Amino acid sequence: MGSVVPFRRPAHAQSLIKHTATLSWLDRQGEQRRERHAAWTSVEAAQMAWKRARSLRLCGEALTFRIDHRSQVVL
């Protein structure tokens, strides 16, 4: 049988903070949509949200978008 490998966080103080980038956009019908992208670094969260926003914009799904950042302490 296979073994379960637990998710490992980096072993430094930054690992105690979870960063969230919230992507909000207006779709073709003018309705507001929202997605959250969480990661252990602010850069990773922002990159995930930015890539998704770019994809939505290029395919014409998003008229406008906004990315908000938040950090949360994880104990």
PDB file of N, CA and C in Angstrom:
ATOM      1  N   MET A   1       0.831  -1.179   0.000  1.00  0.00           N
ATOM      2  CA  MET A   1       0.000   0.000   0.000  1.00  0.00           C
ATOM      3  C   MET A   1       0.878   1.245   0.000  1.00  0.00           C
ATOM      4  N   GLY A   2       0.321   2.337  -0.526  1.00  0.00           N
ATOM      5  CA  GLY A   2       1.049   3.593  -0.545  1.00  0.00           C
ATOM      6  C   GLY A   2       1.008   4.273   0.804  1.00  0.00           C
ATOM      7  N   SER A   3       1.941   5.142   1.017  1.00  0.00           N
ATOM      8  CA  SER A   3       1.969   5.872   2.284  1.00  0.00           C
ATOM      9  C   SER A   3       1.430   7.285   2.070  1.00  0.00           C
ATOM     10  N   VAL A   4       0.912   7.870   3.119  1.00  0.00           N
ATOM     11  CA  VAL A   4       0.392   9.229   3.064  1.00  0.00           C
ATOM     12  C   VAL A   4       1.519  10.180   3.434  1.00  0.00           C
ATOM     13  N   VAL A   5       1.787  11.124   2.555  1.00  0.00           N
ATOM     14  CA  VAL A   5       2.832  12.113   2.808  1.00  0.00           C
ATOM     15  C   VAL A   5       2.141  13.426   3.167  1.00  0.00           C
ATOM     16  N   PRO A   6       2.313  13.917   4.392  1.00  0.00           N
ATOM     17  CA  PRO A   6       1.646  15.158   4.785  1.00  0.00           C
ATOM     18  C   PRO A   6       2.235  16.356   4.045  1.00  0.00           C
ATOM     19  N   PHE A   7       1.383  17.370   3.834  1.00  0.00           N
ATOM     20  CA  PHE A   7       1.834  18.614   3.219  1.00  0.00           C
ATOM     21  C   PHE A   7       2.823  19.292   4.152  1.00  0.00           C
ATOM     22  N   ARG A   8       3.973  19.669   3.633  1.00  0.00           N
ATOM     23  CA  ARG A   8       5.004  20.300   4.467  1.00  0.00           C
ATOM     24  C   ARG A   8       5.045  21.790   4.212  1.00  0.00           C
ATOM     25  N   ARG A   9       4.972  22.547   5.285  1.00  0.00           N
ATOM     26  CA  ARG A   9       5.112  23.993   5.186  1.00  0.00           C
ATOM     27  C   ARG A   9       6.575  24.357   5.361  1.00  0.00           C
ATOM     28  N   PRO A  10       6.997  25.495   4.804  1.00  0.00           N
ATOM     29  CA  PRO A  10       8.369  25.945   5.025  1.00  0.00           C
ATOM     30  C   PRO A  10       8.634  26.122   6.519  1.00  0.00           C
ATOM     31  N   ALA A  11       9.858  25.842   6.948  1.00  0.00           N
ATOM     32  CA  ALA A  11      10.197  25.875   8.379  1.00  0.00           C
ATOM     33  C   ALA A  11      10.717  27.237   8.814  1.00  0.00           C
ATOM     34  N   HIS A  12      10.021  28.288   8.476  1.00  0.00           N
ATOM     35  CA  HIS A  12      10.422  29.616   8.927  1.00  0.00           C
ATOM     36  C   HIS A  12       9.175  30.386   9.357  1.00  0.00           C
ATOM     37  N   ALA A  13       9.351  31.561   9.899  1.00  0.00           N
ATOM     38  CA  ALA A  13       8.234  32.327  10.462  1.00  0.00           C
ATOM     39  C   ALA A  13       7.165  32.657   9.429  1.00  0.00           C
ATOM     40  N   GLN A  14       7.553  32.823   8.189  1.00  0.00           N
ATOM     41  CA  GLN A  14       6.592  33.140   7.132  1.00  0.00           C
ATOM     42  C   GLN A  14       5.537  32.044   6.996  1.00  0.00           C
ATOM     43  N   SER A  15       5.893  30.824   7.385  1.00  0.00           N
ATOM     44  CA  SER A  15       4.961  29.702   7.238  1.00  0.00           C
ATOM     45  C   SER A  15       3.743  29.831   8.146  1.00  0.00           C
ATOM     46  N   LEU A  16       3.785  30.726   9.114  1.00  0.00           N
ATOM     47  CA  LEU A  16       2.660  30.899  10.025  1.00  0.00           C
ATOM     48  C   LEU A  16       1.619  31.876   9.488  1.00  0.00           C
ATOM     49  N   ILE A  17       1.866  32.428   8.316  1.00  0.00           N
ATOM     50  CA  ILE A  17       0.948  33.389   7.721  1.00  0.00           C
ATOM     51  C   ILE A  17       0.441  32.836   6.393  1.00  0.00           C
ATOM     52  N   LYS A  18      -0.882  32.777   6.250  1.00  0.00           N
ATOM     53  CA  LYS A  18      -1.488  32.334   4.997  1.00  0.00           C
ATOM     54  C   LYS A  18      -1.935  33.578   4.241  1.00  0.00           C
ATOM     55  N   HIS A  19      -1.569  33.686   3.000  1.00  0.00           N
ATOM     56  CA  HIS A  19      -1.900  34.848   2.183  1.00  0.00           C
ATOM     57  C   HIS A  19      -3.023  34.493   1.222  1.00  0.00           C
ATOM     58  N   THR A  20      -3.964  35.419   1.079  1.00  0.00           N
ATOM     59  CA  THR A  20      -5.095  35.207   0.189  1.00  0.00           C
ATOM     60  C   THR A  20      -5.214  36.387  -0.762  1.00  0.00           C
ATOM     61  N   ALA A  21      -5.337  36.088  -2.044  1.00  0.00           N
ATOM     62  CA  ALA A  21      -5.614  37.106  -3.052  1.00  0.00           C
ATOM     63  C   ALA A  21      -7.030  36.849  -3.553  1.00  0.00           C
ATOM     64  N   THR A  22      -7.901  37.837  -3.414  1.00  0.00           N
ATOM     65  CA  THR A  22      -9.287  37.703  -3.859  1.00  0.00           C
ATOM     66  C   THR A  22      -9.440  38.401  -5.199  1.00  0.00           C
ATOM     67  N   LEU A  23      -9.859  37.640  -6.184  1.00  0.00           N
ATOM     68  CA  LEU A  23     -10.065  38.161  -7.534  1.00  0.00           C
ATOM     69  C   LEU A  23     -11.550  38.426  -7.723  1.00  0.00           C
ATOM     70  N   SER A  24     -11.910  39.672  -7.995  1.00  0.00           N
ATOM     71  CA  SER A  24     -13.301  40.049  -8.272  1.00  0.00           C
ATOM     72  C   SER A  24     -13.367  40.551  -9.702  1.00  0.00           C
ATOM     73  N   TRP A  25     -14.424  40.175 -10.417  1.00  0.00           N
ATOM     74  CA  TRP A  25     -14.559  40.653 -11.787  1.00  0.00           C
ATOM     75  C   TRP A  25     -16.025  40.770 -12.177  1.00  0.00           C
ATOM     76  N   LEU A  26     -16.284  41.559 -13.226  1.00  0.00           N
ATOM     77  CA  LEU A  26     -17.615  41.669 -13.806  1.00  0.00           C
ATOM     78  C   LEU A  26     -17.655  40.780 -15.034  1.00  0.00           C
ATOM     79  N   ASP A  27     -18.663  39.899 -15.099  1.00  0.00           N
ATOM     80  CA  ASP A  27     -18.761  39.017 -16.260  1.00  0.00           C
ATOM     81  C   ASP A  27     -19.487  39.729 -17.408  1.00  0.00           C
ATOM     82  N   ARG A  28     -19.729  39.014 -18.490  1.00  0.00           N
ATOM     83  CA  ARG A  28     -20.353  39.609 -19.682  1.00  0.00           C
ATOM     84  C   ARG A  28     -21.745  40.170 -19.407  1.00  0.00           C
ATOM     85  N   GLN A  29     -22.464  39.565 -18.469  1.00  0.00           N
ATOM     86  CA  GLN A  29     -23.813  40.023 -18.137  1.00  0.00           C
ATOM     87  C   GLN A  29     -23.804  41.147 -17.097  1.00  0.00           C
ATOM     88  N   GLY A  30     -22.636  41.555 -16.651  1.00  0.00           N
ATOM     89  CA  GLY A  30     -22.521  42.626 -15.670  1.00  0.00           C
ATOM     90  C   GLY A  30     -22.640  42.174 -14.226  1.00  0.00           C
ATOM     91  N   GLU A  31     -22.643  40.862 -13.989  1.00  0.00           N
ATOM     92  CA  GLU A  31     -22.716  40.340 -12.625  1.00  0.00           C
ATOM     93  C   GLU A  31     -21.319  40.226 -12.027  1.00  0.00           C
ATOM     94  N   GLN A  32     -21.230  40.519 -10.731  1.00  0.00           N
ATOM     95  CA  GLN A  32     -19.930  40.433 -10.065  1.00  0.00           C
ATOM     96  C   GLN A  32     -19.655  39.001  -9.630  1.00  0.00           C
ATOM     97  N   ARG A  33     -18.449  38.539  -9.911  1.00  0.00           N
ATOM     98  CA  ARG A  33     -17.996  37.201  -9.520  1.00  0.00           C
ATOM     99  C   ARG A  33     -16.777  37.359  -8.624  1.00  0.00           C
ATOM    100  N   ARG A  34     -16.478  36.306  -7.845  1.00  0.00           N
ATOM    101  CA  ARG A  34     -15.339  36.387  -6.926  1.00  0.00           C
ATOM    102  C   ARG A  34     -14.712  35.014  -6.739  1.00  0.00           C
ATOM    103  N   GLU A  35     -13.383  34.978  -6.693  1.00  0.00           N
ATOM    104  CA  GLU A  35     -12.625  33.754  -6.398  1.00  0.00           C
ATOM    105  C   GLU A  35     -11.525  34.101  -5.411  1.00  0.00           C
ATOM    106  N   ARG A  36     -11.199  33.153  -4.550  1.00  0.00           N
ATOM    107  CA  ARG A  36     -10.083  33.345  -3.620  1.00  0.00           C
ATOM    108  C   ARG A  36      -8.956  32.395  -3.981  1.00  0.00           C
ATOM    109  N   HIS A  37      -7.729  32.921  -3.964  1.00  0.00           N
ATOM    110  CA  HIS A  37      -6.531  32.132  -4.250  1.00  0.00           C
ATOM    111  C   HIS A  37      -5.628  32.218  -3.023  1.00  0.00           C
ATOM    112  N   ALA A  38      -5.418  31.093  -2.353  1.00  0.00           N
ATOM    113  CA  ALA A  38      -4.635  31.072  -1.112  1.00  0.00           C
ATOM    114  C   ALA A  38      -3.302  30.379  -1.334  1.00  0.00           C
ATOM    115  N   ALA A  39      -2.268  30.880  -0.659  1.00  0.00           N
ATOM    116  CA  ALA A  39      -0.925  30.300  -0.745  1.00  0.00           C
ATOM    117  C   ALA A  39      -0.158  30.682   0.513  1.00  0.00           C
ATOM    118  N   TRP A  40       1.006  30.076   0.678  1.00  0.00           N
ATOM    119  CA  TRP A  40       1.826  30.361   1.858  1.00  0.00           C
ATOM    120  C   TRP A  40       2.697  31.592   1.678  1.00  0.00           C
ATOM    121  N   THR A  41       2.782  32.140   0.454  1.00  0.00           N
ATOM    122  CA  THR A  41       3.497  33.404   0.242  1.00  0.00           C
ATOM    123  C   THR A  41       2.585  34.355  -0.519  1.00  0.00           C
ATOM    124  N   SER A  42       2.767  35.643  -0.292  1.00  0.00           N
ATOM    125  CA  SER A  42       1.933  36.636  -0.972  1.00  0.00           C
ATOM    126  C   SER A  42       2.186  36.634  -2.473  1.00  0.00           C
ATOM    127  N   VAL A  43       3.411  36.352  -2.866  1.00  0.00           N
ATOM    128  CA  VAL A  43       3.761  36.325  -4.289  1.00  0.00           C
ATOM    129  C   VAL A  43       3.009  35.209  -5.008  1.00  0.00           C
ATOM    130  N   GLU A  44       2.977  34.023  -4.408  1.00  0.00           N
ATOM    131  CA  GLU A  44       2.264  32.892  -5.021  1.00  0.00           C
ATOM    132  C   GLU A  44       0.771  33.181  -5.153  1.00  0.00           C
ATOM    133  N   ALA A  45       0.173  33.743  -4.120  1.00  0.00           N
ATOM    134  CA  ALA A  45      -1.258  34.054  -4.163  1.00  0.00           C
ATOM    135  C   ALA A  45      -1.550  35.086  -5.250  1.00  0.00           C
ATOM    136  N   ALA A  46      -0.721  36.112  -5.330  1.00  0.00           N
ATOM    137  CA  ALA A  46      -0.913  37.148  -6.342  1.00  0.00           C
ATOM    138  C   ALA A  46      -0.720  36.598  -7.751  1.00  0.00           C
ATOM    139  N   GLN A  47       0.280  35.741  -7.942  1.00  0.00           N
ATOM    140  CA  GLN A  47       0.514  35.154  -9.263  1.00  0.00           C
ATOM    141  C   GLN A  47      -0.666  34.298  -9.713  1.00  0.00           C
ATOM    142  N   MET A  48      -1.224  33.500  -8.808  1.00  0.00           N
ATOM    143  CA  MET A  48      -2.374  32.663  -9.164  1.00  0.00           C
ATOM    144  C   MET A  48      -3.566  33.530  -9.571  1.00  0.00           C
ATOM    145  N   ALA A  49      -3.837  34.582  -8.793  1.00  0.00           N
ATOM    146  CA  ALA A  49      -4.964  35.464  -9.096  1.00  0.00           C
ATOM    147  C   ALA A  49      -4.727  36.213 -10.403  1.00  0.00           C
ATOM    148  N   TRP A  50      -3.508  36.687 -10.623  1.00  0.00           N
ATOM    149  CA  TRP A  50      -3.199  37.433 -11.834  1.00  0.00           C
ATOM    150  C   TRP A  50      -3.319  36.548 -13.078  1.00  0.00           C
ATOM    151  N   LYS A  51      -2.837  35.310 -13.007  1.00  0.00           N
ATOM    152  CA  LYS A  51      -2.947  34.389 -14.148  1.00  0.00           C
ATOM    153  C   LYS A  51      -4.410  34.111 -14.489  1.00  0.00           C
ATOM    154  N   ARG A  52      -5.229  33.920 -13.461  1.00  0.00           N
ATOM    155  CA  ARG A  52      -6.659  33.672 -13.686  1.00  0.00           C
ATOM    156  C   ARG A  52      -7.334  34.908 -14.279  1.00  0.00           C
ATOM    157  N   ALA A  53      -6.995  36.092 -13.770  1.00  0.00           N
ATOM    158  CA  ALA A  53      -7.569  37.340 -14.286  1.00  0.00           C
ATOM    159  C   ALA A  53      -7.185  37.543 -15.748  1.00  0.00           C
ATOM    160  N   ARG A  54      -5.940  37.269 -16.066  1.00  0.00           N
ATOM    161  CA  ARG A  54      -5.468  37.411 -17.447  1.00  0.00           C
ATOM    162  C   ARG A  54      -6.220  36.461 -18.373  1.00  0.00           C
ATOM    163  N   SER A  55      -6.411  35.235 -17.921  1.00  0.00           N
ATOM    164  CA  SER A  55      -7.138  34.244 -18.708  1.00  0.00           C
ATOM    165  C   SER A  55      -8.586  34.685 -18.946  1.00  0.00           C
ATOM    166  N   LEU A  56      -9.241  35.173 -17.890  1.00  0.00           N
ATOM    167  CA  LEU A  56     -10.621  35.640 -18.022  1.00  0.00           C
ATOM    168  C   LEU A  56     -10.722  36.821 -18.981  1.00  0.00           C
ATOM    169  N   ARG A  57      -9.754  37.707 -18.912  1.00  0.00           N
ATOM    170  CA  ARG A  57      -9.751  38.899 -19.770  1.00  0.00           C
ATOM    171  C   ARG A  57      -9.510  38.524 -21.233  1.00  0.00           C
ATOM    172  N   LEU A  58      -8.560  37.626 -21.480  1.00  0.00           N
ATOM    173  CA  LEU A  58      -8.229  37.235 -22.852  1.00  0.00           C
ATOM    174  C   LEU A  58      -9.367  36.489 -23.542  1.00  0.00           C
ATOM    175  N   CYS A  59     -10.125  35.690 -22.798  1.00  0.00           N
ATOM    176  CA  CYS A  59     -11.229  34.941 -23.411  1.00  0.00           C
ATOM    177  C   CYS A  59     -12.527  35.751 -23.425  1.00  0.00           C
ATOM    178  N   GLY A  60     -12.501  36.964 -22.904  1.00  0.00           N
ATOM    179  CA  GLY A  60     -13.670  37.831 -22.953  1.00  0.00           C
ATOM    180  C   GLY A  60     -14.689  37.602 -21.853  1.00  0.00           C
ATOM    181  N   GLU A  61     -14.352  36.813 -20.851  1.00  0.00           N
ATOM    182  CA  GLU A  61     -15.284  36.535 -19.754  1.00  0.00           C
ATOM    183  C   GLU A  61     -15.348  37.675 -18.742  1.00  0.00           C
ATOM    184  N   ALA A  62     -14.262  38.418 -18.588  1.00  0.00           N
ATOM    185  CA  ALA A  62     -14.220  39.499 -17.595  1.00  0.00           C
ATOM    186  C   ALA A  62     -14.127  40.845 -18.295  1.00  0.00           C
ATOM    187  N   LEU A  63     -15.033  41.753 -17.930  1.00  0.00           N
ATOM    188  CA  LEU A  63     -14.967  43.107 -18.474  1.00  0.00           C
ATOM    189  C   LEU A  63     -13.933  43.922 -17.707  1.00  0.00           C
ATOM    190  N   THR A  64     -13.985  43.844 -16.383  1.00  0.00           N
ATOM    191  CA  THR A  64     -12.998  44.493 -15.510  1.00  0.00           C
ATOM    192  C   THR A  64     -12.702  43.546 -14.359  1.00  0.00           C
ATOM    193  N   PHE A  65     -11.562  43.753 -13.708  1.00  0.00           N
ATOM    194  CA  PHE A  65     -11.245  42.916 -12.550  1.00  0.00           C
ATOM    195  C   PHE A  65     -10.460  43.697 -11.517  1.00  0.00           C
ATOM    196  N   ARG A  66     -10.435  43.144 -10.303  1.00  0.00           N
ATOM    197  CA  ARG A  66      -9.709  43.751  -9.188  1.00  0.00           C
ATOM    198  C   ARG A  66      -9.153  42.630  -8.321  1.00  0.00           C
ATOM    199  N   ILE A  67      -7.942  42.811  -7.806  1.00  0.00           N
ATOM    200  CA  ILE A  67      -7.317  41.822  -6.931  1.00  0.00           C
ATOM    201  C   ILE A  67      -7.039  42.479  -5.578  1.00  0.00           C
ATOM    202  N   ASP A  68      -7.584  41.894  -4.511  1.00  0.00           N
ATOM    203  CA  ASP A  68      -7.358  42.363  -3.138  1.00  0.00           C
ATOM    204  C   ASP A  68      -6.528  41.322  -2.401  1.00  0.00           C
ATOM    205  N   HIS A  69      -5.626  41.791  -1.537  1.00  0.00           N
ATOM    206  CA  HIS A  69      -4.735  40.892  -0.798  1.00  0.00           C
ATOM    207  C   HIS A  69      -5.062  40.918   0.691  1.00  0.00           C
ATOM    208  N   ARG A  70      -4.902  39.747   1.326  1.00  0.00           N
ATOM    209  CA  ARG A  70      -5.122  39.628   2.767  1.00  0.00           C
ATOM    210  C   ARG A  70      -4.163  38.597   3.339  1.00  0.00           C
ATOM    211  N   SER A  71      -3.699  38.846   4.541  1.00  0.00           N
ATOM    212  CA  SER A  71      -2.828  37.894   5.235  1.00  0.00           C
ATOM    213  C   SER A  71      -3.512  37.461   6.521  1.00  0.00           C
ATOM    214  N   GLN A  72      -3.363  36.185   6.860  1.00  0.00           N
ATOM    215  CA  GLN A  72      -4.022  35.630   8.043  1.00  0.00           C
ATOM    216  C   GLN A  72      -3.034  34.758   8.802  1.00  0.00           C
ATOM    217  N   VAL A  73      -2.977  34.942  10.106  1.00  0.00           N
ATOM    218  CA  VAL A  73      -2.086  34.139  10.944  1.00  0.00           C
ATOM    219  C   VAL A  73      -2.701  32.759  11.131  1.00  0.00           C
ATOM    220  N   VAL A  74      -1.895  31.716  10.916  1.00  0.00           N
ATOM    221  CA  VAL A  74      -2.341  30.334  11.083  1.00  0.00           C
ATOM    222  C   VAL A  74      -1.584  29.734  12.254  1.00  0.00           C
ATOM    223  N   LEU A  75      -2.306  29.269  13.248  1.00  0.00           N
ATOM    224  CA  LEU A  75      -1.662  28.679  14.423  1.00  0.00           C
ATOM    225  C   LEU A  75      -1.752  27.187  14.410  1.00  0.00           C
TER     226      LEU A  75
END
